[in-house]
Amino acid sequence: MKTACLSKRWLLGYSIIASELLECAALIFFFKCSTPLASTSSKQEMSSQKELKEAFVSNLNGTSLGEVALGSFLAPLCLISRGLFLILYHLGRGALPLPWIAHLVLDFSMIILPLVLSCTVLSDILHLVILGLTVVSGAVLCYIYRTKRPTRPTRPSATSKDTAAKSFFQSHVQCDQVPFVTIFRVLVNVKTAISILAVDFSVFPRRYAKTETYGTGVMDFGVGAYVLANALVCPEARRKEVSGSKLSQVVKQLVSVWPLVILGLARLVSVKMSGYHEHVSEYGVHWNFFFTLAIVRVAASVLLALFPVNGSWLLALLIGGLYQVTLEMSGLKYSIIHNNDRTGGFLQANMEGVSSVVGYIAIYMAGVQIGLYVMRPRTQVKEWIRVIWNLLLGSAVLYTGLILCQASVEPVSRRMANLPFCLWTIAQSMFFLSCLATADVILFFMKTVSGCVLVSSSWYPCRKEASVSEEKMEKKVEGLCLIQAVNRNQLLFFMLANLLTGITNVLVDTFNSSDYISVCVLLSYMFINSFAIYILHLMKITVKFW
């Protein structure tokens, strides 16, 4: 039995590599078949089309820090709205859980759909969307509270209200989960999947795309947040006991990154052989984000083996600070910004990708420190409210440091992953985490008031004697949740997004598509990806082979 399970996991693992290689073959096939007897004029037309697409994602300056921070409110509000909908359905004597297809449609409609619309047709009125969701959610919350709270013959006094509030703050949650960390990691992955295709459509605001050299785009934050999200749940952050020496742990990490290296090589081959448009100043001629992830993971494991885990924040500060000093004191910054000659060897051709790894290591180490704090077992609601406060405080301190750093040193640069970029990524991630944690507390309050606990991806009340049927029902609800589906196979979700992005760019003229067609294509692309991951979750298949 054990051998059969192991063989199944290896087979699924190799399927990832095979599908990524299929991306290479598919892109080459579609490009070749589209012009079997291409004339000189058609080749020139293809070349000009490629240049137009490259120019479409080049020389951008991003948006403001405030607009990126504003987007942090949307996902928590969507999660609250989804939870309130399920509670209202339950109060209307509806049976939970719903059929699996209903849960998929509900999660897609109330989580994925708003995220797609927020970075396309609703991007200019995002503040109004957030305000509207806040008002509606607040009204529904008040309705449920007034409907389900115990009735009293007289008007409740201030003392009784204080007692009720104190009782809620001292109530206990199950300590074997930290839902908002899972949701943070999933949402970063989902938003990344949306953006890597949406950026090729004109409906996607140019201010959200990756900046050329300096600036703060939504996609710039997504890159750094992806690294930090991986650090939050690394074995060191979870205080996981690992057998063997520190050297064996480093070797294990070195071996575990081989899928990322192969995926990076597959992407490199597919892009070069198909003539797919690429933004060279993003990472370099041969580099891509898969290589960055692999090196960051190995380098971080070496550092965590050599230095105390509790000092990760100090390592992050030292690495980020020394790297910034190197950028300022040497000619590295000038070489990266004005790197027009890519013929001087591998380092010269990929200077952006290689040098920025240092900044991402600093972000990863900071993520480990944050993970150490938020993943600590806690049971009382008041303890988690204190965590929210500390996350907000830490975010405010880092944002203050960012403003001072931008005023005295230089602006944020994802291209170099400089110190301001590291500060911004960590500060914004902590702010986003605090927003998601707040949504979790609100949902737990509504669960307590309504008596409906079957809302997935949020805290469950800690019961002294939970029945077997209740535990089975909670597990069944989690087994029907799209968020948990993506969380189960995050790397596969990211890989499928890259595969579908390449195929979509070949089959669809993204540059000239109307807003309506663009949104329809994006929603179809996200639903296909979500459906595939959801089916694997229903079958309890985890694709992990390292």
Protein backbone atom coordinates (compact mmCIF):
# COMPACT_ATOMS: atom_id res chain seq x y z
CA MET A 1 0.00 0.00 0.00
CA LYS A 2 2.75 2.46 0.98
CA THR A 3 4.73 1.60 -2.15
CA ALA A 4 1.65 2.11 -4.32
CA CYS A 5 0.98 5.55 -2.79
CA LEU A 6 4.60 6.55 -3.27
CA SER A 7 4.52 5.44 -6.89
CA LYS A 8 1.33 7.42 -7.42
CA ARG A 9 2.90 10.60 -6.03
CA TRP A 10 5.98 10.21 -8.22
CA LEU A 11 3.78 9.63 -11.25
CA LEU A 12 1.82 12.78 -10.50
CA GLY A 13 5.04 14.66 -9.95
CA TYR A 14 6.40 13.69 -13.31
CA SER A 15 3.09 14.75 -14.85
CA ILE A 16 3.88 18.33 -13.83
CA ILE A 17 7.18 18.26 -15.66
CA ALA A 18 5.55 16.58 -18.64
CA SER A 19 2.82 19.20 -18.81
CA GLU A 20 5.36 22.01 -18.62
CA LEU A 21 7.29 20.41 -21.46
CA LEU A 22 3.99 20.16 -23.32
CA GLU A 23 3.76 23.93 -22.96
CA CYS A 24 7.00 24.19 -24.87
CA ALA A 25 5.71 21.83 -27.56
CA ALA A 26 2.32 23.52 -27.72
CA LEU A 27 3.75 26.99 -28.15
CA ILE A 28 6.13 25.84 -30.86
CA PHE A 29 3.38 23.86 -32.59
CA PHE A 30 0.89 26.73 -32.61
CA PHE A 31 3.45 29.23 -33.84
CA LYS A 32 4.62 26.89 -36.61
CA CYS A 33 1.11 25.93 -37.70
CA SER A 34 -0.05 29.53 -37.76
CA THR A 35 2.42 30.34 -40.54
CA PRO A 36 3.38 27.16 -42.41
CA LEU A 37 4.40 29.00 -45.54
CA ALA A 38 5.10 32.40 -44.10
CA SER A 39 6.14 35.02 -46.59
CA THR A 40 8.56 37.83 -45.89
CA SER A 41 5.72 40.26 -45.23
CA SER A 42 3.99 37.90 -42.80
CA LYS A 43 7.24 37.34 -40.93
CA GLN A 44 7.69 41.08 -40.66
CA GLU A 45 4.11 41.36 -39.43
CA MET A 46 4.77 38.72 -36.74
CA SER A 47 7.96 40.50 -35.75
CA SER A 48 6.19 43.83 -35.46
CA GLN A 49 3.39 42.18 -33.45
CA LYS A 50 5.95 40.76 -31.05
CA GLU A 51 7.62 44.15 -30.71
CA LEU A 52 4.24 45.77 -30.01
CA LYS A 53 3.50 43.28 -27.24
CA GLU A 54 6.94 43.80 -25.73
CA ALA A 55 6.46 47.57 -25.84
CA PHE A 56 3.01 47.14 -24.27
CA VAL A 57 4.57 45.84 -21.04
CA SER A 58 7.69 48.03 -21.09
CA ASN A 59 8.64 51.47 -19.73
CA LEU A 60 5.88 51.55 -17.08
CA ASN A 61 6.00 53.52 -13.83
CA GLY A 62 3.38 51.81 -11.66
CA THR A 63 0.82 53.38 -9.34
CA SER A 64 0.76 54.88 -5.86
CA LEU A 65 1.40 53.08 -2.58
CA GLY A 66 -2.12 53.98 -1.52
CA GLU A 67 -3.82 52.31 -4.48
CA VAL A 68 -1.93 49.06 -3.88
CA ALA A 69 -2.88 49.19 -0.19
CA LEU A 70 -6.51 49.92 -1.13
CA GLY A 71 -6.69 46.62 -3.01
CA SER A 72 -5.94 44.80 0.26
CA PHE A 73 -9.51 45.44 1.43
CA LEU A 74 -11.27 43.73 -1.49
CA ALA A 75 -10.41 40.07 -0.83
CA PRO A 76 -11.26 40.19 2.92
CA LEU A 77 -14.61 41.79 2.08
CA CYS A 78 -15.28 39.07 -0.50
CA LEU A 79 -14.51 36.41 2.11
CA ILE A 80 -16.84 38.07 4.62
CA SER A 81 -19.60 38.35 1.98
CA ARG A 82 -19.18 34.67 1.10
CA GLY A 83 -19.40 33.69 4.78
CA LEU A 84 -22.45 35.85 5.38
CA PHE A 85 -24.16 34.35 2.34
CA LEU A 86 -23.64 30.82 3.69
CA ILE A 87 -24.87 31.87 7.15
CA LEU A 88 -27.99 33.49 5.68
CA TYR A 89 -28.63 30.38 3.61
CA HIS A 90 -28.31 28.24 6.74
CA LEU A 91 -30.63 30.51 8.73
CA GLY A 92 -33.18 30.15 5.94
CA ARG A 93 -33.21 26.44 6.80
CA GLY A 94 -30.89 25.59 3.93
CA ALA A 95 -28.83 22.46 4.36
CA LEU A 96 -25.05 22.79 4.45
CA PRO A 97 -22.77 21.78 2.90
CA LEU A 98 -24.01 22.47 -0.62
CA PRO A 99 -23.36 20.11 -3.56
CA TRP A 100 -19.76 20.29 -4.78
CA ILE A 101 -20.64 22.11 -8.00
CA ALA A 102 -22.58 24.73 -6.03
CA HIS A 103 -19.61 25.32 -3.71
CA LEU A 104 -17.29 25.67 -6.71
CA VAL A 105 -19.56 28.20 -8.43
CA LEU A 106 -20.08 30.10 -5.17
CA ASP A 107 -16.36 30.34 -4.37
CA PHE A 108 -15.49 31.26 -7.95
CA SER A 109 -18.23 33.91 -8.12
CA MET A 110 -17.48 35.50 -4.74
CA ILE A 111 -13.67 35.26 -4.69
CA ILE A 112 -12.17 34.82 -8.18
CA LEU A 113 -14.71 36.90 -10.14
CA PRO A 114 -14.31 40.09 -8.03
CA LEU A 115 -10.52 39.82 -8.25
CA VAL A 116 -10.67 39.57 -12.05
CA LEU A 117 -13.09 42.50 -12.35
CA SER A 118 -11.10 44.63 -9.88
CA CYS A 119 -8.03 44.62 -12.14
CA THR A 120 -9.97 45.11 -15.37
CA VAL A 121 -13.28 46.91 -15.91
CA LEU A 122 -13.76 47.99 -12.29
CA SER A 123 -10.21 49.19 -11.62
CA ASP A 124 -11.09 52.88 -11.90
CA ILE A 125 -13.96 52.64 -9.40
CA LEU A 126 -12.36 50.14 -7.04
CA HIS A 127 -12.83 52.48 -4.07
CA LEU A 128 -16.58 52.59 -4.76
CA VAL A 129 -16.74 48.80 -5.07
CA ILE A 130 -15.00 48.41 -1.72
CA LEU A 131 -17.27 51.00 -0.12
CA GLY A 132 -20.37 49.27 -1.51
CA LEU A 133 -19.24 45.84 -0.27
CA THR A 134 -18.49 47.32 3.16
CA VAL A 135 -21.96 48.87 3.46
CA VAL A 136 -23.79 45.73 2.27
CA SER A 137 -21.72 43.40 4.47
CA GLY A 138 -22.20 45.68 7.46
CA ALA A 139 -25.97 45.75 6.93
CA VAL A 140 -26.18 41.94 6.63
CA LEU A 141 -23.97 41.53 9.69
CA CYS A 142 -26.24 43.80 11.74
CA TYR A 143 -29.31 41.92 10.50
CA ILE A 144 -27.90 38.55 11.54
CA TYR A 145 -26.79 39.90 14.91
CA ARG A 146 -30.17 41.44 15.70
CA THR A 147 -32.00 38.33 14.49
CA LYS A 148 -29.99 35.72 16.36
CA ARG A 149 -28.96 37.43 19.61
CA PRO A 150 -30.90 36.30 22.71
CA THR A 151 -34.05 38.35 23.32
CA ARG A 152 -34.47 40.13 26.65
CA PRO A 153 -37.55 41.67 28.25
CA THR A 154 -35.77 44.98 28.78
CA ARG A 155 -33.25 46.99 26.83
CA PRO A 156 -29.75 45.55 27.40
CA SER A 157 -27.59 47.68 29.64
CA ALA A 158 -24.06 48.83 28.98
CA THR A 159 -22.86 46.28 31.53
CA SER A 160 -24.46 43.38 29.66
CA LYS A 161 -22.93 44.60 26.38
CA ASP A 162 -19.51 44.77 28.01
CA THR A 163 -19.99 41.26 29.39
CA ALA A 164 -20.94 39.95 25.93
CA ALA A 165 -17.90 41.59 24.35
CA LYS A 166 -15.62 40.23 27.06
CA SER A 167 -17.11 36.78 26.59
CA PHE A 168 -16.37 36.90 22.85
CA PHE A 169 -12.77 38.11 23.31
CA GLN A 170 -12.14 35.25 25.73
CA SER A 171 -13.77 32.61 23.53
CA HIS A 172 -11.53 29.92 22.07
CA VAL A 173 -10.78 28.88 18.50
CA GLN A 174 -9.21 25.69 17.22
CA CYS A 175 -5.46 26.18 17.46
CA ASP A 176 -4.48 23.65 14.80
CA GLN A 177 -5.01 26.13 11.97
CA VAL A 178 -4.25 29.73 11.01
CA PRO A 179 -6.79 30.37 8.25
CA PHE A 180 -5.66 33.85 7.24
CA VAL A 181 -2.13 32.63 6.48
CA THR A 182 -3.53 29.94 4.17
CA ILE A 183 -5.81 32.49 2.51
CA PHE A 184 -2.93 34.96 2.09
CA ARG A 185 -0.83 32.35 0.28
CA VAL A 186 -3.75 31.27 -1.91
CA LEU A 187 -4.78 34.82 -2.83
CA VAL A 188 -1.22 35.78 -3.76
CA ASN A 189 -1.15 32.74 -6.05
CA VAL A 190 -4.58 33.48 -7.53
CA LYS A 191 -3.82 37.16 -8.10
CA THR A 192 -0.53 36.21 -9.75
CA ALA A 193 -2.34 33.77 -12.04
CA ILE A 194 -4.82 36.47 -13.04
CA SER A 195 -2.18 39.13 -13.63
CA ILE A 196 0.26 37.12 -15.77
CA LEU A 197 -2.42 36.78 -18.46
CA ALA A 198 -4.40 39.97 -17.83
CA VAL A 199 -1.31 42.13 -18.34
CA ASP A 200 -1.34 41.21 -22.05
CA PHE A 201 -4.85 42.68 -22.49
CA SER A 202 -5.48 46.40 -22.89
CA VAL A 203 -8.28 46.23 -20.29
CA PHE A 204 -5.62 45.64 -17.62
CA PRO A 205 -4.46 49.07 -16.34
CA ARG A 206 -0.84 49.78 -17.27
CA ARG A 207 -0.26 51.22 -13.79
CA TYR A 208 -0.87 47.74 -12.32
CA ALA A 209 1.78 46.05 -14.48
CA LYS A 210 5.43 45.54 -13.55
CA THR A 211 7.45 48.73 -13.62
CA GLU A 212 10.48 49.18 -15.84
CA THR A 213 13.02 50.35 -13.25
CA TYR A 214 11.40 52.37 -10.46
CA GLY A 215 7.83 52.41 -9.21
CA THR A 216 5.19 50.38 -7.38
CA GLY A 217 2.88 48.28 -9.54
CA VAL A 218 0.45 45.66 -8.26
CA MET A 219 2.40 42.97 -10.10
CA ASP A 220 5.63 44.21 -8.51
CA PHE A 221 4.14 43.54 -5.10
CA GLY A 222 2.87 40.16 -6.26
CA VAL A 223 6.39 38.97 -7.06
CA GLY A 224 7.74 39.86 -3.63
CA ALA A 225 4.62 38.60 -1.84
CA TYR A 226 4.97 35.22 -3.58
CA VAL A 227 8.43 34.79 -2.03
CA LEU A 228 7.22 35.93 1.40
CA ALA A 229 4.18 33.62 1.22
CA ASN A 230 6.47 30.61 0.79
CA ALA A 231 8.54 31.69 3.78
CA LEU A 232 5.52 31.95 6.09
CA VAL A 233 5.00 28.19 6.19
CA CYS A 234 8.53 26.89 5.76
CA PRO A 235 9.55 24.19 8.31
CA GLU A 236 11.59 26.70 10.33
CA ALA A 237 8.66 29.13 10.62
CA ARG A 238 6.35 26.32 11.73
CA ARG A 239 8.95 25.08 14.24
CA LYS A 240 8.81 21.70 12.60
CA GLU A 241 11.18 19.17 14.06
CA VAL A 242 13.43 17.85 11.30
CA SER A 243 15.53 14.77 11.82
CA GLY A 244 19.16 14.65 10.76
CA SER A 245 22.02 17.14 10.82
CA LYS A 246 21.84 20.69 9.52
CA LEU A 247 23.98 19.68 6.57
CA SER A 248 21.52 16.95 5.62
CA GLN A 249 18.69 19.48 5.82
CA VAL A 250 20.51 21.80 3.42
CA VAL A 251 21.17 18.90 1.05
CA LYS A 252 17.49 17.96 1.24
CA GLN A 253 16.50 21.50 0.28
CA LEU A 254 19.04 21.46 -2.54
CA VAL A 255 17.48 18.29 -3.92
CA SER A 256 13.91 19.54 -3.40
CA VAL A 257 14.30 22.51 -5.77
CA TRP A 258 14.95 20.39 -8.85
CA PRO A 259 11.32 20.74 -10.05
CA LEU A 260 11.71 24.54 -10.02
CA VAL A 261 14.95 24.31 -11.99
CA ILE A 262 13.34 22.02 -14.59
CA LEU A 263 10.28 24.27 -14.83
CA GLY A 264 12.59 27.25 -15.33
CA LEU A 265 14.49 25.44 -18.07
CA ALA A 266 11.24 24.34 -19.73
CA ARG A 267 9.96 27.91 -19.73
CA LEU A 268 13.26 29.19 -21.12
CA VAL A 269 13.19 26.65 -23.97
CA SER A 270 9.52 27.29 -24.79
CA VAL A 271 10.00 31.06 -24.94
CA LYS A 272 13.17 30.94 -27.04
CA MET A 273 12.02 28.30 -29.52
CA SER A 274 8.52 29.70 -30.04
CA GLY A 275 9.52 33.34 -30.42
CA TYR A 276 7.10 34.26 -27.64
CA HIS A 277 7.40 37.90 -26.59
CA GLU A 278 9.55 38.53 -23.52
CA HIS A 279 10.56 41.51 -21.43
CA VAL A 280 14.34 41.15 -21.22
CA SER A 281 14.88 43.95 -18.69
CA GLU A 282 12.64 42.10 -16.20
CA TYR A 283 15.03 39.25 -15.32
CA GLY A 284 17.49 39.03 -18.20
CA VAL A 285 17.96 36.99 -21.34
CA HIS A 286 17.91 33.49 -19.80
CA TRP A 287 16.63 34.07 -16.26
CA ASN A 288 13.06 33.66 -14.99
CA PHE A 289 11.21 33.59 -11.68
CA PHE A 290 11.48 29.81 -11.28
CA PHE A 291 15.28 30.12 -11.03
CA THR A 292 14.90 32.90 -8.46
CA LEU A 293 12.59 30.76 -6.31
CA ALA A 294 15.00 27.84 -6.43
CA ILE A 295 18.08 29.85 -5.41
CA VAL A 296 16.23 31.77 -2.69
CA ARG A 297 15.01 28.54 -1.09
CA VAL A 298 18.48 26.96 -1.05
CA ALA A 299 20.26 30.12 0.15
CA ALA A 300 17.70 30.67 2.90
CA SER A 301 18.04 27.08 4.13
CA VAL A 302 21.82 27.57 4.39
CA LEU A 303 21.38 30.78 6.38
CA LEU A 304 18.78 29.21 8.68
CA ALA A 305 21.14 26.28 9.30
CA LEU A 306 23.99 28.61 10.24
CA PHE A 307 22.12 31.22 12.28
CA PRO A 308 19.32 31.11 14.88
CA VAL A 309 15.85 31.16 13.36
CA ASN A 310 14.69 33.79 15.84
CA GLY A 311 17.25 36.18 14.35
CA SER A 312 15.77 36.00 10.85
CA TRP A 313 14.63 39.63 11.06
CA LEU A 314 18.19 40.73 11.78
CA LEU A 315 19.52 38.70 8.84
CA ALA A 316 16.87 40.26 6.60
CA LEU A 317 17.89 43.75 7.71
CA LEU A 318 21.60 43.06 7.25
CA ILE A 319 21.19 41.46 3.83
CA GLY A 320 18.87 44.20 2.56
CA GLY A 321 21.04 46.98 4.01
CA LEU A 322 24.35 45.61 2.74
CA TYR A 323 22.87 44.96 -0.69
CA GLN A 324 21.63 48.57 -0.86
CA VAL A 325 25.08 49.83 0.16
CA THR A 326 26.60 47.70 -2.59
CA LEU A 327 24.19 49.16 -5.13
CA GLU A 328 25.10 52.69 -4.06
CA MET A 329 28.84 52.34 -3.57
CA SER A 330 29.70 50.13 -6.55
CA GLY A 331 28.75 50.43 -10.18
CA LEU A 332 26.16 47.63 -9.88
CA LYS A 333 23.14 49.94 -9.97
CA TYR A 334 24.38 51.73 -13.09
CA SER A 335 25.18 48.40 -14.77
CA ILE A 336 21.68 47.08 -14.12
CA ILE A 337 19.82 50.21 -15.24
CA HIS A 338 21.95 50.78 -18.35
CA ASN A 339 22.53 47.16 -19.29
CA ASN A 340 22.17 47.53 -23.07
CA ASP A 341 24.96 45.11 -24.00
CA ARG A 342 23.90 41.51 -23.24
CA THR A 343 26.82 39.82 -25.02
CA GLY A 344 29.37 39.84 -22.20
CA GLY A 345 28.57 36.42 -20.75
CA PHE A 346 25.87 34.85 -18.58
CA LEU A 347 26.08 37.37 -15.72
CA GLN A 348 26.02 40.31 -18.09
CA ALA A 349 23.02 38.88 -19.93
CA ASN A 350 21.06 38.20 -16.72
CA MET A 351 22.26 40.90 -14.34
CA GLU A 352 18.74 41.84 -13.19
CA GLY A 353 17.75 38.30 -12.30
CA VAL A 354 21.01 37.33 -10.61
CA SER A 355 21.46 40.49 -8.52
CA SER A 356 17.81 40.74 -7.44
CA VAL A 357 18.08 37.31 -5.78
CA VAL A 358 19.81 39.02 -2.84
CA GLY A 359 16.79 41.24 -2.21
CA TYR A 360 14.41 38.29 -2.41
CA ILE A 361 16.51 36.40 0.14
CA ALA A 362 16.05 39.35 2.51
CA ILE A 363 12.28 39.22 1.92
CA TYR A 364 12.26 35.47 2.54
CA MET A 365 14.12 35.83 5.84
CA ALA A 366 11.65 38.51 6.96
CA GLY A 367 8.83 36.15 5.98
CA VAL A 368 10.32 33.45 8.19
CA GLN A 369 10.28 35.87 11.14
CA ILE A 370 6.66 36.82 10.47
CA GLY A 371 5.77 33.14 10.16
CA LEU A 372 7.41 32.38 13.51
CA TYR A 373 5.12 34.95 15.10
CA VAL A 374 1.78 34.28 13.40
CA MET A 375 2.07 30.48 13.34
CA ARG A 376 2.54 30.30 17.11
CA PRO A 377 -0.34 28.32 18.69
CA ARG A 378 -3.04 30.57 20.16
CA THR A 379 -6.55 29.74 21.23
CA GLN A 380 -8.24 32.90 22.52
CA VAL A 381 -9.74 35.52 20.22
CA LYS A 382 -8.13 38.35 22.19
CA GLU A 383 -4.70 36.85 21.43
CA TRP A 384 -5.40 36.97 17.70
CA ILE A 385 -6.68 40.54 17.99
CA ARG A 386 -3.34 41.39 19.57
CA VAL A 387 -1.63 39.74 16.58
CA ILE A 388 -3.66 41.93 14.21
CA TRP A 389 -2.63 45.01 16.13
CA ASN A 390 1.04 44.05 16.07
CA LEU A 391 0.90 43.33 12.32
CA LEU A 392 -0.60 46.76 11.71
CA LEU A 393 1.98 48.38 13.96
CA GLY A 394 4.83 46.58 12.19
CA SER A 395 3.42 47.58 8.82
CA ALA A 396 3.19 51.24 9.90
CA VAL A 397 6.80 51.22 11.12
CA LEU A 398 8.05 49.68 7.87
CA TYR A 399 6.01 52.09 5.75
CA THR A 400 7.56 54.96 7.70
CA GLY A 401 11.01 53.52 6.99
CA LEU A 402 10.05 53.14 3.33
CA ILE A 403 9.04 56.79 3.02
CA LEU A 404 12.30 57.91 4.63
CA CYS A 405 14.31 55.53 2.46
CA GLN A 406 12.65 56.75 -0.72
CA ALA A 407 13.28 60.34 0.25
CA SER A 408 16.95 59.87 1.15
CA VAL A 409 18.16 56.94 -0.96
CA GLU A 410 16.07 55.92 -3.99
CA PRO A 411 12.53 54.82 -4.95
CA VAL A 412 11.22 51.27 -4.98
CA SER A 413 12.74 49.08 -7.70
CA ARG A 414 11.56 45.52 -8.28
CA ARG A 415 14.09 45.24 -11.10
CA MET A 416 16.94 45.51 -8.58
CA ALA A 417 14.95 44.28 -5.54
CA ASN A 418 16.54 47.11 -3.58
CA LEU A 419 15.99 47.93 0.10
CA PRO A 420 12.90 50.12 -0.54
CA PHE A 421 11.35 47.25 -2.51
CA CYS A 422 12.00 44.86 0.38
CA LEU A 423 10.52 47.29 2.92
CA TRP A 424 7.46 47.87 0.75
CA THR A 425 6.85 44.17 0.12
CA ILE A 426 7.09 43.28 3.81
CA ALA A 427 5.01 46.26 4.98
CA GLN A 428 2.25 45.65 2.43
CA SER A 429 2.23 41.91 3.16
CA MET A 430 1.81 42.55 6.89
CA PHE A 431 -1.02 44.98 6.16
CA PHE A 432 -2.73 42.45 3.89
CA LEU A 433 -2.32 39.74 6.54
CA SER A 434 -3.89 42.00 9.16
CA CYS A 435 -6.88 42.66 6.87
CA LEU A 436 -7.40 38.93 6.29
CA ALA A 437 -7.03 38.21 10.01
CA THR A 438 -9.66 40.87 10.77
CA ALA A 439 -12.03 39.20 8.30
CA ASP A 440 -11.41 35.89 10.10
CA VAL A 441 -12.30 37.41 13.48
CA ILE A 442 -15.50 38.93 12.01
CA LEU A 443 -16.51 35.60 10.50
CA PHE A 444 -15.82 33.80 13.77
CA PHE A 445 -18.03 36.35 15.57
CA MET A 446 -20.83 35.72 13.08
CA LYS A 447 -20.40 31.96 13.48
CA THR A 448 -20.73 32.36 17.24
CA VAL A 449 -23.82 34.58 16.96
CA SER A 450 -25.63 32.59 14.28
CA GLY A 451 -24.68 29.09 15.40
CA CYS A 452 -23.68 28.25 11.84
CA VAL A 453 -20.07 27.05 11.92
CA LEU A 454 -19.94 25.41 8.48
CA VAL A 455 -18.07 28.24 6.74
CA SER A 456 -14.81 26.91 5.32
CA SER A 457 -11.36 28.52 5.50
CA SER A 458 -12.10 30.32 8.76
CA TRP A 459 -11.76 29.56 12.45
CA TYR A 460 -13.99 26.93 14.05
CA PRO A 461 -15.07 27.27 17.69
CA CYS A 462 -13.08 25.13 20.10
CA ARG A 463 -15.44 22.61 21.62
CA LYS A 464 -14.55 20.51 24.66
CA GLU A 465 -16.43 17.49 23.40
CA ALA A 466 -16.94 17.68 19.66
CA SER A 467 -18.99 14.83 18.23
CA VAL A 468 -17.61 12.64 15.47
CA SER A 469 -20.36 13.81 13.11
CA GLU A 470 -19.45 17.47 13.70
CA GLU A 471 -15.79 16.84 12.95
CA LYS A 472 -16.69 14.89 9.81
CA MET A 473 -18.97 17.71 8.65
CA GLU A 474 -16.24 20.31 9.14
CA LYS A 475 -13.79 18.17 7.16
CA LYS A 476 -16.39 17.70 4.44
CA VAL A 477 -16.90 21.47 4.17
CA GLU A 478 -13.15 22.05 3.89
CA GLY A 479 -13.05 19.34 1.22
CA LEU A 480 -15.49 21.38 -0.90
CA CYS A 481 -13.65 24.71 -0.60
CA LEU A 482 -11.85 26.20 -3.62
CA ILE A 483 -9.37 27.98 -1.34
CA GLN A 484 -8.33 24.67 0.18
CA ALA A 485 -8.14 23.17 -3.31
CA VAL A 486 -5.60 25.76 -4.45
CA ASN A 487 -3.74 25.46 -1.15
CA ARG A 488 -3.39 21.70 -1.62
CA ASN A 489 -1.60 22.07 -5.00
CA GLN A 490 -0.17 25.58 -5.12
CA LEU A 491 2.79 24.83 -7.38
CA LEU A 492 0.57 22.91 -9.80
CA PHE A 493 -1.90 25.83 -9.86
CA PHE A 494 0.93 28.25 -10.65
CA MET A 495 2.30 25.93 -13.34
CA LEU A 496 -1.11 25.46 -14.97
CA ALA A 497 -1.56 29.24 -15.01
CA ASN A 498 1.74 29.62 -16.89
CA LEU A 499 0.75 26.85 -19.32
CA LEU A 500 -2.68 28.32 -20.06
CA THR A 501 -1.21 31.83 -20.33
CA GLY A 502 1.15 30.72 -23.09
CA ILE A 503 -1.56 28.88 -25.00
CA THR A 504 -4.04 31.77 -24.63
CA ASN A 505 -1.51 34.26 -25.97
CA VAL A 506 -1.06 32.10 -29.04
CA LEU A 507 -4.76 31.51 -29.70
CA VAL A 508 -6.11 34.97 -28.79
CA ASP A 509 -5.10 38.37 -30.13
CA THR A 510 -4.79 39.85 -26.64
CA PHE A 511 -3.46 43.17 -27.92
CA ASN A 512 -6.58 44.04 -29.95
CA SER A 513 -9.28 42.31 -27.89
CA SER A 514 -12.22 44.37 -26.66
CA ASP A 515 -12.88 44.80 -22.95
CA TYR A 516 -15.80 42.34 -23.10
CA ILE A 517 -13.78 39.64 -24.87
CA SER A 518 -10.82 40.23 -22.55
CA VAL A 519 -12.86 39.71 -19.39
CA CYS A 520 -14.58 36.63 -20.84
CA VAL A 521 -11.22 35.09 -21.78
CA LEU A 522 -9.78 35.83 -18.33
CA LEU A 523 -12.77 34.33 -16.54
CA SER A 524 -12.68 31.23 -18.75
CA TYR A 525 -8.95 30.85 -18.16
CA MET A 526 -9.34 31.14 -14.38
CA PHE A 527 -12.33 28.78 -14.31
CA ILE A 528 -10.46 26.08 -16.25
CA ASN A 529 -7.51 26.37 -13.88
CA SER A 530 -9.77 26.43 -10.80
CA PHE A 531 -11.88 23.50 -12.02
CA ALA A 532 -8.82 21.30 -12.63
CA ILE A 533 -7.42 22.05 -9.18
CA TYR A 534 -10.83 21.60 -7.56
CA ILE A 535 -11.31 18.14 -9.08
CA LEU A 536 -7.93 17.05 -7.74
CA HIS A 537 -8.97 18.34 -4.32
CA LEU A 538 -12.22 16.36 -4.42
CA MET A 539 -10.17 13.28 -5.26
CA LYS A 540 -7.78 14.14 -2.39
CA ILE A 541 -4.79 14.14 -4.75
CA THR A 542 -1.78 16.17 -3.68
CA VAL A 543 0.85 16.62 -6.37
CA LYS A 544 4.08 16.82 -4.43
CA PHE A 545 7.19 14.93 -5.38
CA TRP A 546 10.04 16.27 -3.29
